[in-house]
Amino acid sequence: MNTNNKKSKIGYIVVFVIGALIGFFGVFNSVFSDGSAYERAITILVVLIVYAVSGIIIGFIKPIKTMLYLPWLSITGLILLLFYMYKEFNILYLVYFILILIISYFGLKTGSSFTRHKK
């Protein structure tokens, strides 16, 4: 197996694990927990910020083909959100779904735009 191919697969696995952690502890917590609308809004905002920061870091570390990491980063949170929307539909969860994709995308693009200059 090519070492570059092996690094790529390991990169996808690491990004998937990061996305799974954010999805389970962030998205899952934000939609399944009880609380006021204000508390949920703050939790959702924090989760979106975590997606953005994770995307920036991943895009900075792997600046080539960053869009291949988008599904791996966001799939767990999106699946959990889809299951919850199936059980209890709310149009705002659809907005949350789209925001996860958009913020992950812009995080990855922003991180990949930070170029590392070699001396």
Protein backbone atom coordinates (compact mmCIF):
# COMPACT_ATOMS: atom_id res chain seq x y z
CA MET A 1 0.00 0.00 0.00
CA ASN A 2 1.25 3.45 -0.88
CA THR A 3 2.25 5.52 2.17
CA ASN A 4 0.42 8.56 0.77
CA ASN A 5 -2.76 6.49 0.38
CA LYS A 6 -2.35 5.15 3.93
CA LYS A 7 -1.97 8.71 5.29
CA SER A 8 -5.07 9.75 3.40
CA LYS A 9 -7.13 6.93 4.90
CA ILE A 10 -5.85 7.72 8.37
CA GLY A 11 -6.77 11.37 7.78
CA TYR A 12 -10.33 10.42 6.85
CA ILE A 13 -10.63 8.23 9.94
CA VAL A 14 -9.33 10.98 12.23
CA VAL A 15 -11.71 13.54 10.69
CA PHE A 16 -14.61 11.08 11.03
CA VAL A 17 -13.80 10.53 14.71
CA ILE A 18 -13.66 14.30 15.28
CA GLY A 19 -16.99 14.68 13.48
CA ALA A 20 -18.50 11.82 15.46
CA LEU A 21 -17.44 13.42 18.73
CA ILE A 22 -18.90 16.77 17.71
CA GLY A 23 -22.03 15.09 16.40
CA PHE A 24 -22.65 12.98 19.46
CA PHE A 25 -21.63 15.38 22.21
CA GLY A 26 -22.70 18.53 20.36
CA VAL A 27 -25.60 17.98 17.98
CA PHE A 28 -27.10 15.11 19.95
CA ASN A 29 -26.91 17.14 23.15
CA SER A 30 -28.37 20.26 21.54
CA VAL A 31 -31.50 18.58 20.18
CA PHE A 32 -32.20 15.87 22.75
CA SER A 33 -31.64 17.81 25.95
CA ASP A 34 -34.36 19.60 27.81
CA GLY A 35 -34.06 23.30 28.33
CA SER A 36 -35.36 26.65 27.29
CA ALA A 37 -35.11 27.97 23.76
CA TYR A 38 -32.35 30.33 24.87
CA GLU A 39 -30.26 27.45 26.27
CA ARG A 40 -30.72 25.45 23.07
CA ALA A 41 -29.77 28.45 20.93
CA ILE A 42 -26.57 28.96 22.91
CA THR A 43 -25.73 25.25 22.66
CA ILE A 44 -26.36 25.24 18.92
CA LEU A 45 -24.19 28.35 18.51
CA VAL A 46 -21.35 26.69 20.43
CA VAL A 47 -21.68 23.53 18.32
CA LEU A 48 -21.51 25.58 15.11
CA ILE A 49 -18.42 27.39 16.40
CA VAL A 50 -16.80 24.03 17.18
CA TYR A 51 -17.57 22.84 13.63
CA ALA A 52 -15.99 26.03 12.24
CA VAL A 53 -12.85 25.76 14.37
CA SER A 54 -12.49 22.05 13.58
CA GLY A 55 -12.85 22.81 9.88
CA ILE A 56 -10.23 25.55 10.07
CA ILE A 57 -7.77 23.25 11.83
CA ILE A 58 -8.39 20.35 9.44
CA GLY A 59 -8.16 22.64 6.42
CA PHE A 60 -4.88 24.08 7.71
CA ILE A 61 -3.35 20.66 8.38
CA LYS A 62 -4.58 19.13 5.10
CA PRO A 63 -4.86 22.05 2.65
CA ILE A 64 -5.11 19.84 -0.46
CA LYS A 65 -8.52 18.38 -1.37
CA THR A 66 -10.16 19.74 1.76
CA MET A 67 -13.67 19.29 0.39
CA LEU A 68 -13.22 15.53 0.58
CA TYR A 69 -13.20 15.95 4.36
CA LEU A 70 -16.54 17.80 4.49
CA PRO A 71 -18.79 14.71 4.56
CA TRP A 72 -16.53 12.95 7.06
CA LEU A 73 -16.61 15.93 9.40
CA SER A 74 -20.34 16.55 9.35
CA ILE A 75 -22.04 13.20 8.58
CA THR A 76 -22.58 12.03 12.17
CA GLY A 77 -24.17 15.27 13.29
CA LEU A 78 -26.35 15.37 10.19
CA ILE A 79 -27.55 11.79 10.64
CA LEU A 80 -28.42 12.40 14.30
CA LEU A 81 -30.26 15.55 13.33
CA LEU A 82 -32.17 13.71 10.57
CA PHE A 83 -33.28 11.03 13.04
CA TYR A 84 -34.51 13.68 15.43
CA MET A 85 -36.28 15.60 12.64
CA TYR A 86 -38.06 12.39 11.64
CA LYS A 87 -39.30 11.96 15.20
CA GLU A 88 -40.18 15.58 15.87
CA PHE A 89 -40.01 17.87 12.83
CA ASN A 90 -39.21 21.52 13.28
CA ILE A 91 -38.24 23.80 10.40
CA LEU A 92 -35.47 25.30 12.54
CA TYR A 93 -33.72 21.92 12.63
CA LEU A 94 -33.55 22.07 8.85
CA VAL A 95 -31.82 25.45 9.19
CA TYR A 96 -29.46 23.85 11.74
CA PHE A 97 -28.78 21.04 9.25
CA ILE A 98 -27.87 23.51 6.50
CA LEU A 99 -25.77 25.64 8.86
CA ILE A 100 -23.69 22.61 9.86
CA LEU A 101 -22.85 22.02 6.21
CA ILE A 102 -22.18 25.68 5.41
CA ILE A 103 -20.05 26.38 8.47
CA SER A 104 -18.04 23.18 8.04
CA TYR A 105 -17.47 24.09 4.39
CA PHE A 106 -16.30 27.63 5.14
CA GLY A 107 -14.16 26.40 8.02
CA LEU A 108 -12.38 23.94 5.73
CA LYS A 109 -11.96 26.57 2.99
CA THR A 110 -10.64 29.14 5.47
CA GLY A 111 -8.16 26.69 6.96
CA SER A 112 -6.90 25.65 3.54
CA SER A 113 -6.39 29.28 2.55
CA PHE A 114 -3.82 29.74 5.33
CA THR A 115 -0.70 28.84 3.42
CA ARG A 116 2.40 27.65 5.14
CA HIS A 117 5.47 29.31 3.68
CA LYS A 118 8.53 27.11 3.58
CA LYS A 119 11.95 28.70 3.89
